[in-house]
Amino acid sequence: MKDLGPVTNFLGIQINYGDDSIRISQPDKVIAVYEDLGLEKCRGAWSPIINKGLITRTRSAALDDVTATRYRSAVGSLLHVSIMTRPDI
């Protein structure tokens, strides 16, 4: 048996060791989700919407099957990342 040193990558999860901590992340998974959704050139924001009374109670049109499936896939992928390694998403 051979000692290969500390684990730095396991099943797509990056493991970084600090002085008194261990950090795990999945940057490749997050980048893949962004690319699948076409969000590579989007700008980040602290809040996804400006809170100035823009939301109303009117009904919106239902999503078509393709858009609904894409939306569910995006939400599922982000939930996977947030549950596994990124609770701040």
N, C-alpha and C. Protein backbone atom coordinates (compact mmCIF):
# COMPACT_ATOMS: atom_id res chain seq x y z
N MET A 1 0.83 -1.15 0.00
CA MET A 1 0.00 0.00 0.00
C MET A 1 0.90 1.24 0.00
N LYS A 2 0.46 2.28 -0.71
CA LYS A 2 1.27 3.47 -0.88
C LYS A 2 0.49 4.70 -0.39
N ASP A 3 1.11 5.56 0.36
CA ASP A 3 0.48 6.79 0.83
C ASP A 3 0.61 7.84 -0.27
N LEU A 4 -0.53 8.32 -0.76
CA LEU A 4 -0.54 9.32 -1.83
C LEU A 4 -0.69 10.74 -1.31
N GLY A 5 -0.67 10.91 0.00
CA GLY A 5 -0.79 12.24 0.59
C GLY A 5 -2.24 12.61 0.83
N PRO A 6 -2.47 13.84 1.22
CA PRO A 6 -3.84 14.29 1.49
C PRO A 6 -4.69 14.29 0.22
N VAL A 7 -5.94 13.97 0.39
CA VAL A 7 -6.89 13.98 -0.73
C VAL A 7 -7.15 15.42 -1.13
N THR A 8 -7.09 15.72 -2.42
CA THR A 8 -7.39 17.07 -2.91
C THR A 8 -8.61 17.10 -3.82
N ASN A 9 -8.99 15.94 -4.37
CA ASN A 9 -10.16 15.86 -5.23
C ASN A 9 -10.78 14.48 -5.07
N PHE A 10 -12.10 14.45 -4.77
CA PHE A 10 -12.78 13.19 -4.56
C PHE A 10 -14.18 13.29 -5.15
N LEU A 11 -14.45 12.51 -6.19
CA LEU A 11 -15.75 12.48 -6.85
C LEU A 11 -16.23 13.87 -7.28
N GLY A 12 -15.31 14.67 -7.80
CA GLY A 12 -15.66 16.00 -8.29
C GLY A 12 -15.69 17.07 -7.21
N ILE A 13 -15.41 16.71 -5.98
CA ILE A 13 -15.39 17.67 -4.88
C ILE A 13 -13.94 18.03 -4.59
N GLN A 14 -13.63 19.33 -4.65
CA GLN A 14 -12.28 19.79 -4.31
C GLN A 14 -12.16 19.94 -2.80
N ILE A 15 -11.05 19.50 -2.26
CA ILE A 15 -10.80 19.57 -0.83
C ILE A 15 -9.55 20.41 -0.62
N ASN A 16 -9.69 21.51 0.13
CA ASN A 16 -8.58 22.42 0.43
C ASN A 16 -8.36 22.44 1.93
N TYR A 17 -7.12 22.27 2.32
CA TYR A 17 -6.76 22.24 3.74
C TYR A 17 -6.16 23.56 4.14
N GLY A 18 -6.68 24.14 5.22
CA GLY A 18 -6.11 25.35 5.80
C GLY A 18 -5.37 25.00 7.08
N ASP A 19 -4.93 26.02 7.80
CA ASP A 19 -4.22 25.78 9.05
C ASP A 19 -5.09 25.06 10.08
N ASP A 20 -6.33 25.51 10.19
CA ASP A 20 -7.23 24.90 11.17
C ASP A 20 -8.60 24.57 10.57
N SER A 21 -8.64 24.37 9.26
CA SER A 21 -9.93 24.10 8.61
C SER A 21 -9.75 23.25 7.36
N ILE A 22 -10.86 22.69 6.93
CA ILE A 22 -10.93 21.97 5.65
C ILE A 22 -12.09 22.57 4.89
N ARG A 23 -11.85 23.00 3.65
CA ARG A 23 -12.91 23.58 2.81
C ARG A 23 -13.19 22.65 1.65
N ILE A 24 -14.46 22.44 1.37
CA ILE A 24 -14.83 21.63 0.21
C ILE A 24 -15.66 22.49 -0.74
N SER A 25 -15.52 22.24 -2.03
CA SER A 25 -16.27 23.00 -3.04
C SER A 25 -16.38 22.17 -4.31
N GLN A 26 -17.27 22.60 -5.19
CA GLN A 26 -17.47 21.94 -6.48
C GLN A 26 -17.45 22.97 -7.60
N PRO A 27 -16.33 23.63 -7.84
CA PRO A 27 -16.31 24.67 -8.87
C PRO A 27 -16.58 24.13 -10.28
N ASP A 28 -16.13 22.93 -10.58
CA ASP A 28 -16.38 22.37 -11.92
C ASP A 28 -17.86 22.14 -12.15
N LYS A 29 -18.59 21.70 -11.13
CA LYS A 29 -20.03 21.46 -11.25
C LYS A 29 -20.78 22.77 -11.45
N VAL A 30 -20.39 23.80 -10.69
CA VAL A 30 -21.05 25.10 -10.82
C VAL A 30 -20.79 25.69 -12.20
N ILE A 31 -19.57 25.59 -12.69
CA ILE A 31 -19.25 26.09 -14.03
C ILE A 31 -20.04 25.33 -15.08
N ALA A 32 -20.17 24.01 -14.93
CA ALA A 32 -20.95 23.21 -15.89
C ALA A 32 -22.42 23.63 -15.89
N VAL A 33 -22.99 23.92 -14.73
CA VAL A 33 -24.38 24.38 -14.66
C VAL A 33 -24.52 25.72 -15.36
N TYR A 34 -23.59 26.66 -15.09
CA TYR A 34 -23.62 27.96 -15.75
C TYR A 34 -23.55 27.81 -17.27
N GLU A 35 -22.66 26.96 -17.74
CA GLU A 35 -22.51 26.78 -19.18
C GLU A 35 -23.76 26.14 -19.79
N ASP A 36 -24.34 25.16 -19.11
CA ASP A 36 -25.56 24.52 -19.61
C ASP A 36 -26.71 25.52 -19.73
N LEU A 37 -26.76 26.48 -18.82
CA LEU A 37 -27.84 27.47 -18.83
C LEU A 37 -27.50 28.71 -19.66
N GLY A 38 -26.28 28.78 -20.16
CA GLY A 38 -25.88 29.94 -20.96
C GLY A 38 -25.66 31.18 -20.11
N LEU A 39 -25.16 31.01 -18.90
CA LEU A 39 -24.98 32.13 -17.98
C LEU A 39 -23.53 32.57 -17.82
N GLU A 40 -22.65 32.20 -18.73
CA GLU A 40 -21.23 32.50 -18.57
C GLU A 40 -20.95 34.00 -18.47
N LYS A 41 -21.72 34.81 -19.17
CA LYS A 41 -21.44 36.24 -19.23
C LYS A 41 -22.35 37.06 -18.32
N CYS A 42 -23.10 36.40 -17.45
CA CYS A 42 -23.98 37.13 -16.54
C CYS A 42 -23.19 37.78 -15.42
N ARG A 43 -23.70 38.89 -14.96
CA ARG A 43 -23.05 39.59 -13.85
C ARG A 43 -23.70 39.13 -12.54
N GLY A 44 -22.91 39.02 -11.52
CA GLY A 44 -23.41 38.63 -10.21
C GLY A 44 -24.14 39.77 -9.53
N ALA A 45 -25.00 39.45 -8.58
CA ALA A 45 -25.73 40.44 -7.80
C ALA A 45 -25.95 39.90 -6.40
N TRP A 46 -25.98 40.79 -5.43
CA TRP A 46 -26.24 40.36 -4.06
C TRP A 46 -27.68 39.90 -3.91
N SER A 47 -28.58 40.52 -4.64
CA SER A 47 -29.99 40.16 -4.58
C SER A 47 -30.47 39.95 -6.01
N PRO A 48 -31.24 38.90 -6.27
CA PRO A 48 -31.64 38.63 -7.65
C PRO A 48 -32.66 39.62 -8.22
N ILE A 49 -33.30 40.42 -7.37
CA ILE A 49 -34.28 41.38 -7.86
C ILE A 49 -34.26 42.61 -6.95
N ILE A 50 -34.48 43.76 -7.52
CA ILE A 50 -34.56 44.98 -6.73
C ILE A 50 -35.91 44.99 -6.03
N ASN A 51 -35.91 45.17 -4.75
CA ASN A 51 -37.14 45.11 -3.97
C ASN A 51 -37.79 46.49 -3.92
N LYS A 52 -38.51 46.83 -4.95
CA LYS A 52 -39.21 48.11 -5.00
C LYS A 52 -40.65 47.92 -5.47
N GLY A 53 -41.29 46.87 -4.99
CA GLY A 53 -42.69 46.65 -5.32
C GLY A 53 -42.92 46.19 -6.75
N LEU A 54 -41.97 45.50 -7.35
CA LEU A 54 -42.11 45.06 -8.73
C LEU A 54 -42.96 43.79 -8.86
N ILE A 55 -43.14 43.08 -7.78
CA ILE A 55 -43.89 41.82 -7.85
C ILE A 55 -45.36 42.10 -7.61
N THR A 56 -46.19 41.58 -8.49
CA THR A 56 -47.63 41.75 -8.34
C THR A 56 -48.28 40.38 -8.20
N ARG A 57 -49.56 40.36 -7.92
CA ARG A 57 -50.27 39.10 -7.73
C ARG A 57 -50.97 38.62 -9.00
N THR A 58 -50.66 39.15 -10.13
CA THR A 58 -51.29 38.69 -11.36
C THR A 58 -50.72 37.35 -11.77
N ARG A 59 -51.51 36.56 -12.44
CA ARG A 59 -51.06 35.25 -12.90
C ARG A 59 -50.20 35.41 -14.15
N SER A 60 -49.18 34.58 -14.24
CA SER A 60 -48.33 34.60 -15.42
C SER A 60 -48.68 33.40 -16.29
N ALA A 61 -48.21 33.44 -17.51
CA ALA A 61 -48.47 32.34 -18.45
C ALA A 61 -47.70 31.10 -18.01
N ALA A 62 -48.28 29.94 -18.24
CA ALA A 62 -47.62 28.68 -17.90
C ALA A 62 -46.41 28.47 -18.81
N LEU A 63 -45.40 27.82 -18.29
CA LEU A 63 -44.21 27.52 -19.07
C LEU A 63 -44.48 26.36 -20.01
N ASP A 64 -43.86 26.40 -21.18
CA ASP A 64 -43.97 25.25 -22.07
C ASP A 64 -43.12 24.12 -21.51
N ASP A 65 -43.28 22.92 -22.04
CA ASP A 65 -42.62 21.73 -21.50
C ASP A 65 -41.09 21.84 -21.53
N VAL A 66 -40.55 22.38 -22.60
CA VAL A 66 -39.09 22.49 -22.73
C VAL A 66 -38.54 23.46 -21.68
N THR A 67 -39.16 24.62 -21.54
CA THR A 67 -38.71 25.61 -20.57
C THR A 67 -38.88 25.09 -19.15
N ALA A 68 -39.99 24.44 -18.86
CA ALA A 68 -40.22 23.89 -17.53
C ALA A 68 -39.19 22.82 -17.18
N THR A 69 -38.85 21.97 -18.13
CA THR A 69 -37.85 20.93 -17.89
C THR A 69 -36.48 21.55 -17.66
N ARG A 70 -36.13 22.56 -18.43
CA ARG A 70 -34.84 23.24 -18.27
C ARG A 70 -34.76 23.93 -16.91
N TYR A 71 -35.86 24.56 -16.49
CA TYR A 71 -35.91 25.22 -15.19
C TYR A 71 -35.74 24.20 -14.06
N ARG A 72 -36.46 23.09 -14.14
CA ARG A 72 -36.34 22.05 -13.11
C ARG A 72 -34.93 21.47 -13.05
N SER A 73 -34.33 21.30 -14.20
CA SER A 73 -32.96 20.78 -14.25
C SER A 73 -31.99 21.75 -13.58
N ALA A 74 -32.15 23.04 -13.85
CA ALA A 74 -31.28 24.05 -13.24
C ALA A 74 -31.44 24.08 -11.73
N VAL A 75 -32.69 24.06 -11.26
CA VAL A 75 -32.94 24.09 -9.83
C VAL A 75 -32.38 22.83 -9.16
N GLY A 76 -32.58 21.68 -9.78
CA GLY A 76 -32.05 20.43 -9.24
C GLY A 76 -30.53 20.42 -9.16
N SER A 77 -29.88 20.93 -10.19
CA SER A 77 -28.41 20.98 -10.19
C SER A 77 -27.88 21.89 -9.11
N LEU A 78 -28.51 23.05 -8.94
CA LEU A 78 -28.06 23.99 -7.91
C LEU A 78 -28.37 23.46 -6.50
N LEU A 79 -29.49 22.76 -6.36
CA LEU A 79 -29.78 22.13 -5.07
C LEU A 79 -28.74 21.07 -4.72
N HIS A 80 -28.35 20.29 -5.70
CA HIS A 80 -27.32 19.27 -5.48
C HIS A 80 -26.03 19.91 -4.97
N VAL A 81 -25.59 20.97 -5.63
CA VAL A 81 -24.36 21.64 -5.22
C VAL A 81 -24.51 22.24 -3.82
N SER A 82 -25.66 22.89 -3.57
CA SER A 82 -25.83 23.53 -2.27
C SER A 82 -25.93 22.52 -1.14
N ILE A 83 -26.51 21.37 -1.37
CA ILE A 83 -26.61 20.35 -0.34
C ILE A 83 -25.26 19.70 -0.09
N MET A 84 -24.50 19.46 -1.15
CA MET A 84 -23.23 18.75 -1.01
C MET A 84 -22.11 19.65 -0.46
N THR A 85 -21.96 20.87 -0.99
CA THR A 85 -20.77 21.63 -0.62
C THR A 85 -20.97 23.13 -0.46
N ARG A 86 -22.05 23.71 -0.96
CA ARG A 86 -22.17 25.16 -0.97
C ARG A 86 -23.49 25.62 -0.34
N PRO A 87 -23.61 25.68 0.95
CA PRO A 87 -24.85 26.14 1.56
C PRO A 87 -25.11 27.62 1.36
N ASP A 88 -24.15 28.38 0.82
CA ASP A 88 -24.34 29.81 0.61
C ASP A 88 -24.96 30.16 -0.73
N ILE A 89 -25.27 29.17 -1.57
CA ILE A 89 -25.89 29.47 -2.87
C ILE A 89 -27.34 29.82 -2.66
